[in-house]
Amino acid sequence: KLVIIDSIQTMYSEEITSAAGTVSQVREITSRIMRVSKGHQITTIIIGHVTKDGNIAGPRVLEHMVDTVLYLEGERYFSYRILRSVKNRFGSTNEIGMFEMQNEGMIEIKNPSQILISDREDNPPGSVIVASMEGTRPLLIELQALTTPSVFGIPKRAANGIDYNRLTM
């Protein structure tokens, strides 16, 4: 048995006087869903939407109540998605799943390194293949260091796809 609720922020109980999406509503609705799900052994997926900043929309009470929190990450104009666990009471959070959205639905990418370096030319200048760990999964990725001479005293550093603070270390 499986139940999918999309989205918890829109559900409400008439017994609670506050609006849908408030702390009291999310707590009450989630509590009821969990009671029924556990009582009847129903696997339940509660979808909570995220803000543009990547944070769960609305109160954070939902994260504390559930057993697992998963993020489905991806870029708008690309078909690839990463499923990342940020909380898991019954297992590791050091794993990711990589998928591609196709006509049939989301298909697992069995060898993500092959996809991540497939468009690479042979030995382009300023580019190298490096091994990076995502949880316990090693990934081969292309790292580019593109530089130009600067006429300014302090050159500008910019990063795409890597945390700027890590770049400046």
N, C-alpha and C. Protein backbone atom coordinates (compact mmCIF):
# COMPACT_ATOMS: atom_id res chain seq x y z
N LYS A 1 0.84 -1.17 0.00
CA LYS A 1 0.00 0.00 0.00
C LYS A 1 0.88 1.24 0.00
N LEU A 2 0.49 2.23 -0.76
CA LEU A 2 1.25 3.46 -0.88
C LEU A 2 0.30 4.65 -0.99
N VAL A 3 0.59 5.70 -0.22
CA VAL A 3 -0.16 6.96 -0.30
C VAL A 3 0.85 8.07 -0.55
N ILE A 4 0.54 8.94 -1.51
CA ILE A 4 1.37 10.11 -1.78
C ILE A 4 0.53 11.35 -1.56
N ILE A 5 1.02 12.26 -0.72
CA ILE A 5 0.30 13.49 -0.40
C ILE A 5 1.10 14.66 -0.96
N ASP A 6 0.49 15.41 -1.86
CA ASP A 6 1.14 16.54 -2.51
C ASP A 6 0.19 17.74 -2.45
N SER A 7 0.41 18.69 -1.69
CA SER A 7 1.49 18.94 -0.77
C SER A 7 0.93 19.14 0.62
N ILE A 8 1.73 18.86 1.61
CA ILE A 8 1.29 18.97 3.00
C ILE A 8 0.94 20.41 3.35
N GLN A 9 1.57 21.38 2.69
CA GLN A 9 1.31 22.79 3.00
C GLN A 9 -0.10 23.24 2.60
N THR A 10 -0.78 22.46 1.76
CA THR A 10 -2.13 22.86 1.33
C THR A 10 -3.22 22.14 2.11
N MET A 11 -2.86 21.16 2.91
CA MET A 11 -3.86 20.42 3.67
C MET A 11 -4.18 21.14 4.98
N TYR A 12 -5.42 20.95 5.45
CA TYR A 12 -5.80 21.61 6.70
C TYR A 12 -6.90 20.82 7.39
N SER A 13 -7.01 21.06 8.68
CA SER A 13 -8.07 20.48 9.49
C SER A 13 -8.99 21.61 9.92
N GLU A 14 -10.29 21.41 9.77
CA GLU A 14 -11.26 22.43 10.17
C GLU A 14 -11.30 22.58 11.69
N GLU A 15 -10.76 21.60 12.41
CA GLU A 15 -10.73 21.67 13.87
C GLU A 15 -9.67 22.65 14.38
N ILE A 16 -8.72 23.01 13.54
CA ILE A 16 -7.68 23.98 13.89
C ILE A 16 -8.04 25.30 13.21
N THR A 17 -8.01 26.39 13.97
CA THR A 17 -8.49 27.67 13.43
C THR A 17 -7.48 28.38 12.54
N SER A 18 -6.24 27.98 12.54
CA SER A 18 -5.23 28.67 11.72
C SER A 18 -5.31 28.22 10.26
N ALA A 19 -4.62 28.96 9.41
CA ALA A 19 -4.63 28.70 7.97
C ALA A 19 -3.77 27.48 7.63
N ALA A 20 -4.04 26.91 6.45
CA ALA A 20 -3.23 25.80 5.95
C ALA A 20 -1.79 26.25 5.83
N GLY A 21 -0.86 25.35 6.15
CA GLY A 21 0.56 25.65 6.04
C GLY A 21 1.19 26.22 7.29
N THR A 22 0.38 26.55 8.30
CA THR A 22 0.93 27.07 9.55
C THR A 22 1.49 25.91 10.38
N VAL A 23 2.28 26.24 11.40
CA VAL A 23 2.89 25.21 12.24
C VAL A 23 1.84 24.28 12.83
N SER A 24 0.78 24.84 13.39
CA SER A 24 -0.23 24.00 14.04
C SER A 24 -0.94 23.10 13.03
N GLN A 25 -1.24 23.61 11.85
CA GLN A 25 -1.90 22.79 10.83
C GLN A 25 -0.98 21.67 10.34
N VAL A 26 0.26 22.01 10.01
CA VAL A 26 1.20 21.00 9.51
C VAL A 26 1.43 19.93 10.57
N ARG A 27 1.59 20.33 11.82
CA ARG A 27 1.81 19.38 12.91
C ARG A 27 0.61 18.44 13.06
N GLU A 28 -0.59 18.99 13.09
CA GLU A 28 -1.81 18.19 13.28
C GLU A 28 -2.04 17.24 12.11
N ILE A 29 -1.96 17.76 10.90
CA ILE A 29 -2.21 16.92 9.71
C ILE A 29 -1.16 15.82 9.61
N THR A 30 0.11 16.16 9.81
CA THR A 30 1.17 15.16 9.73
C THR A 30 0.99 14.10 10.81
N SER A 31 0.62 14.51 12.00
CA SER A 31 0.40 13.57 13.10
C SER A 31 -0.72 12.60 12.75
N ARG A 32 -1.80 13.10 12.19
CA ARG A 32 -2.92 12.22 11.79
C ARG A 32 -2.50 11.25 10.69
N ILE A 33 -1.79 11.76 9.71
CA ILE A 33 -1.33 10.91 8.60
C ILE A 33 -0.42 9.81 9.13
N MET A 34 0.49 10.16 10.02
CA MET A 34 1.42 9.17 10.58
C MET A 34 0.68 8.11 11.39
N ARG A 35 -0.32 8.52 12.17
CA ARG A 35 -1.08 7.55 12.97
C ARG A 35 -1.78 6.53 12.07
N VAL A 36 -2.44 7.02 11.04
CA VAL A 36 -3.16 6.11 10.13
C VAL A 36 -2.17 5.24 9.36
N SER A 37 -1.10 5.84 8.86
CA SER A 37 -0.11 5.10 8.07
C SER A 37 0.54 3.99 8.87
N LYS A 38 0.97 4.29 10.09
CA LYS A 38 1.62 3.27 10.92
C LYS A 38 0.62 2.23 11.40
N GLY A 39 -0.60 2.66 11.71
CA GLY A 39 -1.63 1.73 12.17
C GLY A 39 -2.05 0.73 11.12
N HIS A 40 -2.00 1.13 9.86
CA HIS A 40 -2.43 0.25 8.76
C HIS A 40 -1.26 -0.20 7.89
N GLN A 41 -0.03 0.06 8.35
CA GLN A 41 1.19 -0.32 7.62
C GLN A 41 1.15 0.16 6.17
N ILE A 42 0.93 1.45 6.01
CA ILE A 42 0.87 2.08 4.69
C ILE A 42 2.12 2.94 4.52
N THR A 43 2.87 2.68 3.46
CA THR A 43 4.00 3.55 3.14
C THR A 43 3.43 4.87 2.66
N THR A 44 3.91 5.96 3.25
CA THR A 44 3.36 7.27 2.93
C THR A 44 4.47 8.23 2.55
N ILE A 45 4.28 8.89 1.44
CA ILE A 45 5.20 9.93 0.98
C ILE A 45 4.48 11.26 1.12
N ILE A 46 5.02 12.13 1.95
CA ILE A 46 4.45 13.46 2.15
C ILE A 46 5.36 14.45 1.43
N ILE A 47 4.81 15.13 0.44
CA ILE A 47 5.61 16.08 -0.32
C ILE A 47 5.46 17.45 0.30
N GLY A 48 6.59 18.04 0.61
CA GLY A 48 6.65 19.41 1.09
C GLY A 48 7.48 20.20 0.11
N HIS A 49 6.94 21.27 -0.39
CA HIS A 49 7.65 22.03 -1.42
C HIS A 49 8.75 22.88 -0.81
N VAL A 50 9.69 23.29 -1.64
CA VAL A 50 10.83 24.09 -1.19
C VAL A 50 10.77 25.48 -1.81
N THR A 51 11.44 26.41 -1.15
CA THR A 51 11.53 27.77 -1.64
C THR A 51 12.61 27.85 -2.72
N LYS A 52 12.73 29.00 -3.35
CA LYS A 52 13.77 29.19 -4.37
C LYS A 52 15.17 29.04 -3.78
N ASP A 53 15.30 29.28 -2.48
CA ASP A 53 16.59 29.12 -1.81
C ASP A 53 16.92 27.67 -1.50
N GLY A 54 15.97 26.75 -1.73
CA GLY A 54 16.20 25.34 -1.46
C GLY A 54 15.79 24.89 -0.08
N ASN A 55 15.14 25.75 0.70
CA ASN A 55 14.67 25.38 2.03
C ASN A 55 13.23 24.90 1.95
N ILE A 56 12.86 24.01 2.86
CA ILE A 56 11.48 23.52 2.88
C ILE A 56 10.56 24.69 3.17
N ALA A 57 9.53 24.85 2.34
CA ALA A 57 8.59 25.96 2.49
C ALA A 57 7.77 25.77 3.76
N GLY A 58 7.50 26.88 4.43
CA GLY A 58 6.67 26.83 5.62
C GLY A 58 7.45 26.39 6.84
N PRO A 59 6.73 25.98 7.88
CA PRO A 59 7.39 25.62 9.14
C PRO A 59 8.25 24.36 9.01
N ARG A 60 9.33 24.31 9.78
CA ARG A 60 10.26 23.18 9.74
C ARG A 60 9.80 22.01 10.61
N VAL A 61 8.64 22.13 11.20
CA VAL A 61 8.13 21.08 12.08
C VAL A 61 8.01 19.76 11.32
N LEU A 62 7.69 19.81 10.04
CA LEU A 62 7.53 18.60 9.24
C LEU A 62 8.82 17.77 9.22
N GLU A 63 9.95 18.42 9.05
CA GLU A 63 11.24 17.71 9.02
C GLU A 63 11.49 16.93 10.30
N HIS A 64 11.06 17.47 11.43
CA HIS A 64 11.31 16.83 12.72
C HIS A 64 10.37 15.66 12.97
N MET A 65 9.22 15.65 12.32
CA MET A 65 8.22 14.62 12.58
C MET A 65 8.41 13.36 11.74
N VAL A 66 8.95 13.50 10.55
CA VAL A 66 9.01 12.37 9.62
C VAL A 66 10.29 11.55 9.82
N ASP A 67 10.31 10.35 9.25
CA ASP A 67 11.45 9.45 9.38
C ASP A 67 12.56 9.77 8.39
N THR A 68 12.19 10.24 7.21
CA THR A 68 13.16 10.48 6.15
C THR A 68 12.83 11.78 5.43
N VAL A 69 13.87 12.53 5.10
CA VAL A 69 13.71 13.74 4.28
C VAL A 69 14.60 13.57 3.05
N LEU A 70 13.98 13.62 1.89
CA LEU A 70 14.69 13.47 0.62
C LEU A 70 14.54 14.75 -0.19
N TYR A 71 15.60 15.15 -0.86
CA TYR A 71 15.55 16.29 -1.78
C TYR A 71 15.75 15.76 -3.19
N LEU A 72 14.92 16.19 -4.11
CA LEU A 72 15.09 15.88 -5.52
C LEU A 72 15.64 17.15 -6.16
N GLU A 73 16.91 17.11 -6.53
CA GLU A 73 17.61 18.30 -7.01
C GLU A 73 17.85 18.21 -8.50
N GLY A 74 17.87 19.36 -9.15
CA GLY A 74 18.18 19.39 -10.56
C GLY A 74 18.08 20.78 -11.13
N GLU A 75 18.60 20.95 -12.31
CA GLU A 75 18.53 22.22 -13.02
C GLU A 75 17.31 22.22 -13.93
N ARG A 76 16.71 23.36 -14.08
CA ARG A 76 15.47 23.50 -14.84
C ARG A 76 15.58 22.99 -16.27
N TYR A 77 16.68 23.30 -16.95
CA TYR A 77 16.79 23.01 -18.37
C TYR A 77 17.54 21.72 -18.69
N PHE A 78 17.78 20.91 -17.67
CA PHE A 78 18.46 19.63 -17.89
C PHE A 78 17.56 18.50 -17.38
N SER A 79 17.74 17.33 -17.95
CA SER A 79 16.86 16.21 -17.60
C SER A 79 17.38 15.39 -16.42
N TYR A 80 18.55 15.72 -15.89
CA TYR A 80 19.15 14.93 -14.81
C TYR A 80 18.66 15.40 -13.45
N ARG A 81 18.47 14.44 -12.53
CA ARG A 81 18.03 14.74 -11.16
C ARG A 81 18.87 13.92 -10.18
N ILE A 82 19.12 14.51 -9.01
CA ILE A 82 19.82 13.83 -7.93
C ILE A 82 18.86 13.69 -6.77
N LEU A 83 18.69 12.48 -6.27
CA LEU A 83 17.88 12.22 -5.09
C LEU A 83 18.84 12.09 -3.91
N ARG A 84 18.70 13.02 -2.96
CA ARG A 84 19.64 13.10 -1.84
C ARG A 84 18.87 12.99 -0.52
N SER A 85 19.35 12.14 0.37
CA SER A 85 18.76 12.00 1.69
C SER A 85 19.48 12.94 2.65
N VAL A 86 18.71 13.80 3.32
CA VAL A 86 19.31 14.69 4.32
C VAL A 86 18.93 14.26 5.73
N LYS A 87 17.96 13.35 5.84
CA LYS A 87 17.60 12.76 7.13
C LYS A 87 17.08 11.36 6.86
N ASN A 88 17.55 10.39 7.66
CA ASN A 88 17.07 9.02 7.50
C ASN A 88 17.23 8.31 8.84
N ARG A 89 16.14 8.11 9.53
CA ARG A 89 16.20 7.45 10.85
C ARG A 89 16.59 5.98 10.75
N PHE A 90 16.42 5.38 9.58
CA PHE A 90 16.64 3.94 9.45
C PHE A 90 17.79 3.58 8.52
N GLY A 91 18.58 4.56 8.12
CA GLY A 91 19.67 4.24 7.21
C GLY A 91 20.60 5.43 7.04
N SER A 92 21.47 5.30 6.07
CA SER A 92 22.51 6.29 5.84
C SER A 92 21.97 7.50 5.08
N THR A 93 22.59 8.64 5.33
CA THR A 93 22.32 9.83 4.52
C THR A 93 23.49 10.10 3.58
N ASN A 94 24.43 9.17 3.51
CA ASN A 94 25.61 9.34 2.68
C ASN A 94 25.47 8.72 1.30
N GLU A 95 24.28 8.64 0.80
CA GLU A 95 24.06 8.06 -0.52
C GLU A 95 23.24 9.02 -1.37
N ILE A 96 23.46 8.95 -2.67
CA ILE A 96 22.63 9.71 -3.61
C ILE A 96 22.18 8.76 -4.70
N GLY A 97 21.12 9.12 -5.36
CA GLY A 97 20.68 8.42 -6.55
C GLY A 97 20.64 9.42 -7.69
N MET A 98 21.10 9.01 -8.86
CA MET A 98 21.07 9.90 -10.02
C MET A 98 20.12 9.33 -11.05
N PHE A 99 19.28 10.22 -11.59
CA PHE A 99 18.22 9.80 -12.50
C PHE A 99 18.16 10.75 -13.69
N GLU A 100 17.55 10.26 -14.77
CA GLU A 100 17.27 11.10 -15.92
C GLU A 100 15.78 11.04 -16.20
N MET A 101 15.18 12.20 -16.39
CA MET A 101 13.76 12.26 -16.71
C MET A 101 13.59 11.98 -18.19
N GLN A 102 12.85 10.91 -18.50
CA GLN A 102 12.58 10.52 -19.88
C GLN A 102 11.08 10.39 -20.06
N ASN A 103 10.65 10.07 -21.26
CA ASN A 103 9.21 9.93 -21.53
C ASN A 103 8.56 8.88 -20.64
N GLU A 104 9.32 7.83 -20.27
CA GLU A 104 8.79 6.75 -19.44
C GLU A 104 8.78 7.11 -17.96
N GLY A 105 9.39 8.22 -17.58
CA GLY A 105 9.52 8.61 -16.18
C GLY A 105 10.98 8.76 -15.82
N MET A 106 11.27 8.73 -14.53
CA MET A 106 12.65 8.86 -14.08
C MET A 106 13.36 7.52 -14.18
N ILE A 107 14.48 7.51 -14.89
CA ILE A 107 15.26 6.30 -15.12
C ILE A 107 16.58 6.43 -14.38
N GLU A 108 16.98 5.39 -13.65
CA GLU A 108 18.24 5.41 -12.90
C GLU A 108 19.43 5.52 -13.86
N ILE A 109 20.39 6.34 -13.49
CA ILE A 109 21.66 6.42 -14.21
C ILE A 109 22.63 5.52 -13.47
N LYS A 110 22.98 4.41 -14.08
CA LYS A 110 23.81 3.42 -13.41
C LYS A 110 25.28 3.85 -13.31
N ASN A 111 25.76 4.62 -14.29
CA ASN A 111 27.15 5.09 -14.28
C ASN A 111 27.17 6.61 -14.47
N PRO A 112 26.94 7.39 -13.41
CA PRO A 112 26.87 8.84 -13.54
C PRO A 112 28.16 9.47 -14.07
N SER A 113 29.31 8.89 -13.75
CA SER A 113 30.58 9.46 -14.22
C SER A 113 30.63 9.52 -15.74
N GLN A 114 30.09 8.51 -16.39
CA GLN A 114 30.08 8.47 -17.84
C GLN A 114 29.30 9.66 -18.40
N ILE A 115 28.18 9.99 -17.79
CA ILE A 115 27.36 11.12 -18.22
C ILE A 115 28.08 12.44 -17.92
N LEU A 116 28.69 12.54 -16.74
CA LEU A 116 29.29 13.80 -16.30
C LEU A 116 30.50 14.22 -17.13
N ILE A 117 31.16 13.28 -17.78
CA ILE A 117 32.34 13.63 -18.58
C ILE A 117 32.16 13.28 -20.06
N SER A 118 30.95 12.97 -20.48
CA SER A 118 30.72 12.51 -21.86
C SER A 118 30.94 13.59 -22.91
N ASP A 119 30.69 14.86 -22.60
CA ASP A 119 30.82 15.94 -23.59
C ASP A 119 32.22 16.54 -23.63
N ARG A 120 33.13 15.96 -22.91
CA ARG A 120 34.48 16.53 -22.78
C ARG A 120 35.32 16.24 -24.01
N GLU A 121 36.01 17.29 -24.48
CA GLU A 121 36.96 17.12 -25.57
C GLU A 121 38.21 16.42 -25.03
N ASP A 122 39.06 15.94 -25.92
CA ASP A 122 40.32 15.32 -25.49
C ASP A 122 41.29 16.38 -25.01
N ASN A 123 41.64 16.34 -23.74
CA ASN A 123 42.65 17.20 -23.12
C ASN A 123 42.50 18.69 -23.44
N PRO A 124 41.36 19.30 -23.18
CA PRO A 124 41.25 20.74 -23.41
C PRO A 124 42.07 21.52 -22.39
N PRO A 125 42.59 22.70 -22.76
CA PRO A 125 43.40 23.47 -21.81
C PRO A 125 42.56 23.94 -20.62
N GLY A 126 43.16 23.93 -19.43
CA GLY A 126 42.48 24.40 -18.22
C GLY A 126 41.44 23.44 -17.69
N SER A 127 41.49 22.19 -18.10
CA SER A 127 40.47 21.21 -17.71
C SER A 127 41.14 19.92 -17.26
N VAL A 128 40.56 19.30 -16.24
CA VAL A 128 41.09 18.05 -15.73
C VAL A 128 39.93 17.21 -15.20
N ILE A 129 40.07 15.90 -15.25
CA ILE A 129 39.08 15.00 -14.66
C ILE A 129 39.53 14.70 -13.23
N VAL A 130 38.62 14.88 -12.27
CA VAL A 130 38.93 14.61 -10.87
C VAL A 130 37.89 13.66 -10.29
N ALA A 131 38.30 12.94 -9.26
CA ALA A 131 37.37 12.07 -8.54
C ALA A 131 36.82 12.86 -7.36
N SER A 132 35.51 12.84 -7.22
CA SER A 132 34.85 13.54 -6.12
C SER A 132 33.91 12.55 -5.45
N MET A 133 33.80 12.64 -4.15
CA MET A 133 32.93 11.72 -3.41
C MET A 133 31.59 12.38 -3.13
N GLU A 134 30.52 11.72 -3.46
CA GLU A 134 29.17 12.09 -3.06
C GLU A 134 28.68 10.97 -2.16
N GLY A 135 28.79 11.19 -0.85
CA GLY A 135 28.50 10.11 0.08
C GLY A 135 29.58 9.06 -0.04
N THR A 136 29.18 7.84 -0.35
CA THR A 136 30.15 6.77 -0.56
C THR A 136 30.37 6.48 -2.03
N ARG A 137 29.78 7.31 -2.90
CA ARG A 137 29.87 7.08 -4.34
C ARG A 137 30.94 7.98 -4.96
N PRO A 138 32.00 7.38 -5.54
CA PRO A 138 32.98 8.21 -6.25
C PRO A 138 32.42 8.61 -7.61
N LEU A 139 32.59 9.87 -7.95
CA LEU A 139 32.15 10.37 -9.25
C LEU A 139 33.32 11.02 -9.96
N LEU A 140 33.44 10.76 -11.25
CA LEU A 140 34.43 11.45 -12.06
C LEU A 140 33.75 12.68 -12.65
N ILE A 141 34.34 13.85 -12.42
CA ILE A 141 33.76 15.09 -12.93
C ILE A 141 34.86 15.90 -13.61
N GLU A 142 34.44 16.80 -14.49
CA GLU A 142 35.38 17.70 -15.14
C GLU A 142 35.50 18.97 -14.31
N LEU A 143 36.72 19.36 -14.01
CA LEU A 143 36.99 20.59 -13.29
C LEU A 143 37.73 21.52 -14.24
N GLN A 144 37.20 22.74 -14.40
CA GLN A 144 37.80 23.70 -15.30
C GLN A 144 38.36 24.87 -14.52
N ALA A 145 39.55 25.30 -14.88
CA ALA A 145 40.16 26.49 -14.30
C ALA A 145 40.45 27.43 -15.47
N LEU A 146 39.55 28.33 -15.72
CA LEU A 146 39.68 29.24 -16.84
C LEU A 146 40.13 30.59 -16.30
N THR A 147 41.30 31.04 -16.72
CA THR A 147 41.86 32.28 -16.19
C THR A 147 42.26 33.21 -17.32
N THR A 148 42.29 34.51 -17.01
CA THR A 148 42.79 35.52 -17.94
C THR A 148 43.60 36.53 -17.14
N PRO A 149 44.53 37.20 -17.78
CA PRO A 149 45.28 38.24 -17.08
C PRO A 149 44.34 39.36 -16.64
N SER A 150 44.68 39.99 -15.50
CA SER A 150 43.85 41.06 -14.96
C SER A 150 44.64 42.35 -14.89
N VAL A 151 43.98 43.46 -15.19
CA VAL A 151 44.62 44.77 -15.06
C VAL A 151 44.37 45.36 -13.68
N PHE A 152 43.56 44.69 -12.87
CA PHE A 152 43.23 45.17 -11.54
C PHE A 152 44.20 44.60 -10.51
N GLY A 153 44.34 45.30 -9.38
CA GLY A 153 45.24 44.85 -8.31
C GLY A 153 44.79 43.55 -7.68
N ILE A 154 43.50 43.42 -7.45
CA ILE A 154 42.94 42.21 -6.86
C ILE A 154 42.04 41.56 -7.91
N PRO A 155 42.45 40.42 -8.43
CA PRO A 155 41.63 39.78 -9.47
C PRO A 155 40.30 39.27 -8.90
N LYS A 156 39.32 39.19 -9.77
CA LYS A 156 38.00 38.67 -9.39
C LYS A 156 38.01 37.15 -9.56
N ARG A 157 37.48 36.47 -8.56
CA ARG A 157 37.33 35.02 -8.64
C ARG A 157 35.85 34.70 -8.69
N ALA A 158 35.47 33.82 -9.58
CA ALA A 158 34.07 33.42 -9.70
C ALA A 158 34.02 31.90 -9.76
N ALA A 159 32.94 31.34 -9.27
CA ALA A 159 32.79 29.89 -9.26
C ALA A 159 31.39 29.52 -9.72
N ASN A 160 31.30 28.42 -10.44
CA ASN A 160 30.02 27.89 -10.86
C ASN A 160 30.04 26.39 -10.57
N GLY A 161 29.09 25.93 -9.76
CA GLY A 161 29.01 24.51 -9.46
C GLY A 161 29.84 24.09 -8.26
N ILE A 162 30.50 25.03 -7.61
CA ILE A 162 31.28 24.74 -6.40
C ILE A 162 31.09 25.90 -5.44
N ASP A 163 31.09 25.61 -4.17
CA ASP A 163 30.93 26.64 -3.15
C ASP A 163 32.10 27.63 -3.24
N TYR A 164 31.79 28.92 -3.34
CA TYR A 164 32.81 29.95 -3.48
C TYR A 164 33.81 29.92 -2.33
N ASN A 165 33.35 29.66 -1.11
CA ASN A 165 34.25 29.61 0.05
C ASN A 165 35.27 28.48 -0.08
N ARG A 166 34.86 27.37 -0.66
CA ARG A 166 35.82 26.27 -0.88
C ARG A 166 36.84 26.66 -1.94
N LEU A 167 36.40 27.45 -2.91
CA LEU A 167 37.31 27.90 -3.97
C LEU A 167 38.42 28.77 -3.40
N THR A 168 38.10 29.61 -2.43
CA THR A 168 39.08 30.56 -1.90
C THR A 168 40.03 29.95 -0.88
N MET A 169 39.87 28.69 -0.54
CA MET A 169 40.77 28.04 0.43
C MET A 169 42.15 27.84 -0.16
